[in-house]
Amino acid sequence: MEEEKSQEMVSHKNVIFSCYGGFSNTGITSALACLEVVKELGLEKVCVGCLSALPLGIEGVIKKTKLAKKVILVDGYNAQCAKKILENAGFKPTKSIVLERDIGMKKKALNEDMGRDPKGIMEYISEEDIKRAKELIIKSLLEE
């Protein structure tokens, strides 16, 4: 066995799993807010985990999730798809955030303007919603 593999895995202190649903503004806002958290706090403190790897049992993702001090989950809206995936993989989030519920975000389907004059994707996204979501995620990570 190689020396590297015999050593204990070192990982990020915390992990965030996010809805990345690109059909609506809530999923995209969730993703962007999570990336902003990582940019602000740094990779030692937090990373965005690969949600789709959990039900597949991808070993590295499972191990990193088990090592995390906190597992923060961010869903865009009340269907809570990301939470269901996480829990079906055997994990319980330290904190589950739903943007629609927790910051009062209004879900907007990105296909509503199809066939007419669709806007650029960022015209459906509110910088204020990203900021409020980021602040809530950071608060969840920093509280004891």
C-alpha atoms as a PDB file:
ATOM      1  CA  MET A   1       0.000   0.000   0.000  1.00  0.00           C
ATOM      2  CA  GLU A   2       1.279   3.438  -0.834  1.00  0.00           C
ATOM      3  CA  GLU A   3       2.225   5.697   2.068  1.00  0.00           C
ATOM      4  CA  GLU A   4      -0.396   8.303   1.081  1.00  0.00           C
ATOM      5  CA  LYS A   5      -3.234   5.785   1.181  1.00  0.00           C
ATOM      6  CA  SER A   6      -2.210   4.488   4.594  1.00  0.00           C
ATOM      7  CA  GLN A   7      -2.452   7.935   6.166  1.00  0.00           C
ATOM      8  CA  GLU A   8      -5.725   9.203   7.560  1.00  0.00           C
ATOM      9  CA  MET A   9      -7.689  11.268   5.067  1.00  0.00           C
ATOM     10  CA  VAL A  10      -7.466  15.000   5.652  1.00  0.00           C
ATOM     11  CA  SER A  11     -10.481  16.917   4.464  1.00  0.00           C
ATOM     12  CA  HIS A  12     -12.399  20.160   4.724  1.00  0.00           C
ATOM     13  CA  LYS A  13     -13.732  21.032   8.181  1.00  0.00           C
ATOM     14  CA  ASN A  14     -17.325  21.362   6.924  1.00  0.00           C
ATOM     15  CA  VAL A  15     -19.247  20.444   3.806  1.00  0.00           C
ATOM     16  CA  ILE A  16     -22.204  22.092   2.098  1.00  0.00           C
ATOM     17  CA  PHE A  17     -24.529  20.156  -0.165  1.00  0.00           C
ATOM     18  CA  SER A  18     -26.596  22.329  -2.450  1.00  0.00           C
ATOM     19  CA  CYS A  19     -29.498  22.104  -4.793  1.00  0.00           C
ATOM     20  CA  TYR A  20     -28.077  23.050  -8.174  1.00  0.00           C
ATOM     21  CA  GLY A  21     -31.416  22.857  -9.972  1.00  0.00           C
ATOM     22  CA  GLY A  22     -31.089  24.957 -13.086  1.00  0.00           C
ATOM     23  CA  PHE A  23     -34.795  24.973 -13.902  1.00  0.00           C
ATOM     24  CA  SER A  24     -35.456  27.814 -11.466  1.00  0.00           C
ATOM     25  CA  ASN A  25     -33.886  30.823  -9.812  1.00  0.00           C
ATOM     26  CA  THR A  26     -33.922  29.109  -6.407  1.00  0.00           C
ATOM     27  CA  GLY A  27     -31.580  26.285  -7.403  1.00  0.00           C
ATOM     28  CA  ILE A  28     -29.147  28.605  -9.129  1.00  0.00           C
ATOM     29  CA  THR A  29     -29.203  31.020  -6.194  1.00  0.00           C
ATOM     30  CA  SER A  30     -28.490  28.128  -3.824  1.00  0.00           C
ATOM     31  CA  ALA A  31     -25.471  27.113  -5.885  1.00  0.00           C
ATOM     32  CA  LEU A  32     -24.099  30.635  -6.233  1.00  0.00           C
ATOM     33  CA  ALA A  33     -24.525  31.377  -2.514  1.00  0.00           C
ATOM     34  CA  CYS A  34     -22.649  28.199  -1.578  1.00  0.00           C
ATOM     35  CA  LEU A  35     -19.752  29.104  -3.849  1.00  0.00           C
ATOM     36  CA  GLU A  36     -19.651  32.584  -2.308  1.00  0.00           C
ATOM     37  CA  VAL A  37     -19.391  30.984   1.150  1.00  0.00           C
ATOM     38  CA  VAL A  38     -16.382  28.923   0.052  1.00  0.00           C
ATOM     39  CA  LYS A  39     -14.772  32.009  -1.491  1.00  0.00           C
ATOM     40  CA  GLU A  40     -15.244  33.936   1.761  1.00  0.00           C
ATOM     41  CA  LEU A  41     -14.321  31.259   4.324  1.00  0.00           C
ATOM     42  CA  GLY A  42     -11.766  29.253   2.340  1.00  0.00           C
ATOM     43  CA  LEU A  43     -11.416  25.590   1.439  1.00  0.00           C
ATOM     44  CA  GLU A  44     -10.003  24.499   4.786  1.00  0.00           C
ATOM     45  CA  LYS A  45     -13.192  25.588   6.531  1.00  0.00           C
ATOM     46  CA  VAL A  46     -15.748  24.495   3.944  1.00  0.00           C
ATOM     47  CA  CYS A  47     -16.301  22.986   0.522  1.00  0.00           C
ATOM     48  CA  VAL A  48     -19.286  22.215  -1.660  1.00  0.00           C
ATOM     49  CA  GLY A  49     -19.771  18.457  -1.769  1.00  0.00           C
ATOM     50  CA  CYS A  50     -20.861  16.429  -4.768  1.00  0.00           C
ATOM     51  CA  LEU A  51     -24.504  15.668  -4.008  1.00  0.00           C
ATOM     52  CA  SER A  52     -24.965  13.323  -6.964  1.00  0.00           C
ATOM     53  CA  ALA A  53     -22.083  11.118  -5.735  1.00  0.00           C
ATOM     54  CA  LEU A  54     -23.867  10.264  -2.473  1.00  0.00           C
ATOM     55  CA  PRO A  55     -26.508   7.858  -3.825  1.00  0.00           C
ATOM     56  CA  LEU A  56     -23.832   6.274  -6.006  1.00  0.00           C
ATOM     57  CA  GLY A  57     -21.752   5.491  -2.921  1.00  0.00           C
ATOM     58  CA  ILE A  58     -18.612   7.202  -4.242  1.00  0.00           C
ATOM     59  CA  GLU A  59     -16.087   6.363  -1.531  1.00  0.00           C
ATOM     60  CA  GLY A  60     -14.160   9.648  -1.401  1.00  0.00           C
ATOM     61  CA  VAL A  61     -17.309  11.745  -1.115  1.00  0.00           C
ATOM     62  CA  ILE A  62     -18.772   9.458   1.555  1.00  0.00           C
ATOM     63  CA  LYS A  63     -15.543   9.602   3.597  1.00  0.00           C
ATOM     64  CA  LYS A  64     -15.238  13.386   3.338  1.00  0.00           C
ATOM     65  CA  THR A  65     -18.862  13.780   4.380  1.00  0.00           C
ATOM     66  CA  LYS A  66     -18.348  11.511   7.401  1.00  0.00           C
ATOM     67  CA  LEU A  67     -15.257  13.519   8.408  1.00  0.00           C
ATOM     68  CA  ALA A  68     -17.078  16.851   8.243  1.00  0.00           C
ATOM     69  CA  LYS A  69     -17.791  18.586  11.536  1.00  0.00           C
ATOM     70  CA  LYS A  70     -20.947  20.079  10.014  1.00  0.00           C
ATOM     71  CA  VAL A  71     -22.997  19.113   6.984  1.00  0.00           C
ATOM     72  CA  ILE A  72     -25.039  22.091   5.826  1.00  0.00           C
ATOM     73  CA  LEU A  73     -27.754  21.484   3.282  1.00  0.00           C
ATOM     74  CA  VAL A  74     -29.152  24.224   1.048  1.00  0.00           C
ATOM     75  CA  ASP A  75     -32.308  23.594  -0.954  1.00  0.00           C
ATOM     76  CA  GLY A  76     -33.877  26.158  -3.215  1.00  0.00           C
ATOM     77  CA  TYR A  77     -37.513  25.457  -2.546  1.00  0.00           C
ATOM     78  CA  ASN A  78     -39.874  23.381  -0.459  1.00  0.00           C
ATOM     79  CA  ALA A  79     -39.574  20.114  -2.437  1.00  0.00           C
ATOM     80  CA  GLN A  80     -36.218  19.733  -0.611  1.00  0.00           C
ATOM     81  CA  CYS A  81     -34.736  17.409  -3.250  1.00  0.00           C
ATOM     82  CA  ALA A  82     -31.183  17.817  -1.946  1.00  0.00           C
ATOM     83  CA  LYS A  83     -32.233  16.939   1.611  1.00  0.00           C
ATOM     84  CA  LYS A  84     -33.951  13.770   0.385  1.00  0.00           C
ATOM     85  CA  ILE A  85     -30.826  12.693  -1.507  1.00  0.00           C
ATOM     86  CA  LEU A  86     -28.604  13.363   1.517  1.00  0.00           C
ATOM     87  CA  GLU A  87     -30.875  11.492   3.919  1.00  0.00           C
ATOM     88  CA  ASN A  88     -31.360   8.549   1.530  1.00  0.00           C
ATOM     89  CA  ALA A  89     -27.562   8.227   1.506  1.00  0.00           C
ATOM     90  CA  GLY A  90     -27.629   7.880   5.307  1.00  0.00           C
ATOM     91  CA  PHE A  91     -26.624  11.391   6.361  1.00  0.00           C
ATOM     92  CA  LYS A  92     -28.492  13.869   8.532  1.00  0.00           C
ATOM     93  CA  PRO A  93     -27.726  17.533   7.906  1.00  0.00           C
ATOM     94  CA  THR A  94     -26.485  19.620  10.815  1.00  0.00           C
ATOM     95  CA  LYS A  95     -28.632  22.396   9.373  1.00  0.00           C
ATOM     96  CA  SER A  96     -31.134  22.299   6.526  1.00  0.00           C
ATOM     97  CA  ILE A  97     -31.756  25.612   4.782  1.00  0.00           C
ATOM     98  CA  VAL A  98     -34.584  26.148   2.296  1.00  0.00           C
ATOM     99  CA  LEU A  99     -34.287  29.480   0.502  1.00  0.00           C
ATOM    100  CA  GLU A 100     -38.006  29.766  -0.182  1.00  0.00           C
ATOM    101  CA  ARG A 101     -38.782  29.213   3.508  1.00  0.00           C
ATOM    102  CA  ASP A 102     -35.778  30.750   5.254  1.00  0.00           C
ATOM    103  CA  ILE A 103     -35.118  33.928   3.284  1.00  0.00           C
ATOM    104  CA  GLY A 104     -38.565  34.340   1.731  1.00  0.00           C
ATOM    105  CA  MET A 105     -37.295  33.810  -1.797  1.00  0.00           C
ATOM    106  CA  LYS A 106     -39.916  33.519  -4.537  1.00  0.00           C
ATOM    107  CA  LYS A 107     -39.366  30.628  -6.938  1.00  0.00           C
ATOM    108  CA  LYS A 108     -39.387  31.571 -10.608  1.00  0.00           C
ATOM    109  CA  ALA A 109     -39.217  29.008 -13.414  1.00  0.00           C
ATOM    110  CA  LEU A 110     -36.553  29.848 -15.980  1.00  0.00           C
ATOM    111  CA  ASN A 111     -38.645  28.517 -18.859  1.00  0.00           C
ATOM    112  CA  GLU A 112     -41.492  31.008 -18.392  1.00  0.00           C
ATOM    113  CA  ASP A 113     -40.178  33.280 -21.142  1.00  0.00           C
ATOM    114  CA  MET A 114     -39.419  30.514 -23.648  1.00  0.00           C
ATOM    115  CA  GLY A 115     -40.976  31.118 -27.025  1.00  0.00           C
ATOM    116  CA  ARG A 116     -41.029  34.841 -26.368  1.00  0.00           C
ATOM    117  CA  ASP A 117     -37.955  36.779 -25.373  1.00  0.00           C
ATOM    118  CA  PRO A 118     -35.968  34.865 -22.744  1.00  0.00           C
ATOM    119  CA  LYS A 119     -33.680  36.962 -20.580  1.00  0.00           C
ATOM    120  CA  GLY A 120     -30.077  36.199 -19.732  1.00  0.00           C
ATOM    121  CA  ILE A 121     -29.843  33.796 -16.810  1.00  0.00           C
ATOM    122  CA  MET A 122     -28.569  36.353 -14.310  1.00  0.00           C
ATOM    123  CA  GLU A 123     -31.632  38.525 -14.925  1.00  0.00           C
ATOM    124  CA  TYR A 124     -33.634  35.883 -13.044  1.00  0.00           C
ATOM    125  CA  ILE A 125     -31.220  35.935 -10.105  1.00  0.00           C
ATOM    126  CA  SER A 126     -31.191  38.514  -7.317  1.00  0.00           C
ATOM    127  CA  GLU A 127     -27.836  39.571  -5.876  1.00  0.00           C
ATOM    128  CA  GLU A 128     -29.705  40.385  -2.658  1.00  0.00           C
ATOM    129  CA  ASP A 129     -31.026  36.796  -2.450  1.00  0.00           C
ATOM    130  CA  ILE A 130     -27.505  35.433  -2.999  1.00  0.00           C
ATOM    131  CA  LYS A 131     -26.195  37.698  -0.237  1.00  0.00           C
ATOM    132  CA  ARG A 132     -28.935  36.750   2.233  1.00  0.00           C
ATOM    133  CA  ALA A 133     -28.496  33.046   1.495  1.00  0.00           C
ATOM    134  CA  LYS A 134     -24.713  33.328   1.890  1.00  0.00           C
ATOM    135  CA  GLU A 135     -25.094  35.082   5.244  1.00  0.00           C
ATOM    136  CA  LEU A 136     -27.475  32.391   6.500  1.00  0.00           C
ATOM    137  CA  ILE A 137     -25.118  29.605   5.423  1.00  0.00           C
ATOM    138  CA  ILE A 138     -22.140  31.308   7.101  1.00  0.00           C
ATOM    139  CA  LYS A 139     -24.169  31.815  10.284  1.00  0.00           C
ATOM    140  CA  SER A 140     -25.036  28.097  10.268  1.00  0.00           C
ATOM    141  CA  LEU A 141     -21.385  27.151   9.844  1.00  0.00           C
ATOM    142  CA  LEU A 142     -20.102  29.453  12.574  1.00  0.00           C
ATOM    143  CA  GLU A 143     -22.672  28.781  15.295  1.00  0.00           C
ATOM    144  CA  GLU A 144     -21.589  26.282  17.917  1.00  0.00           C
END
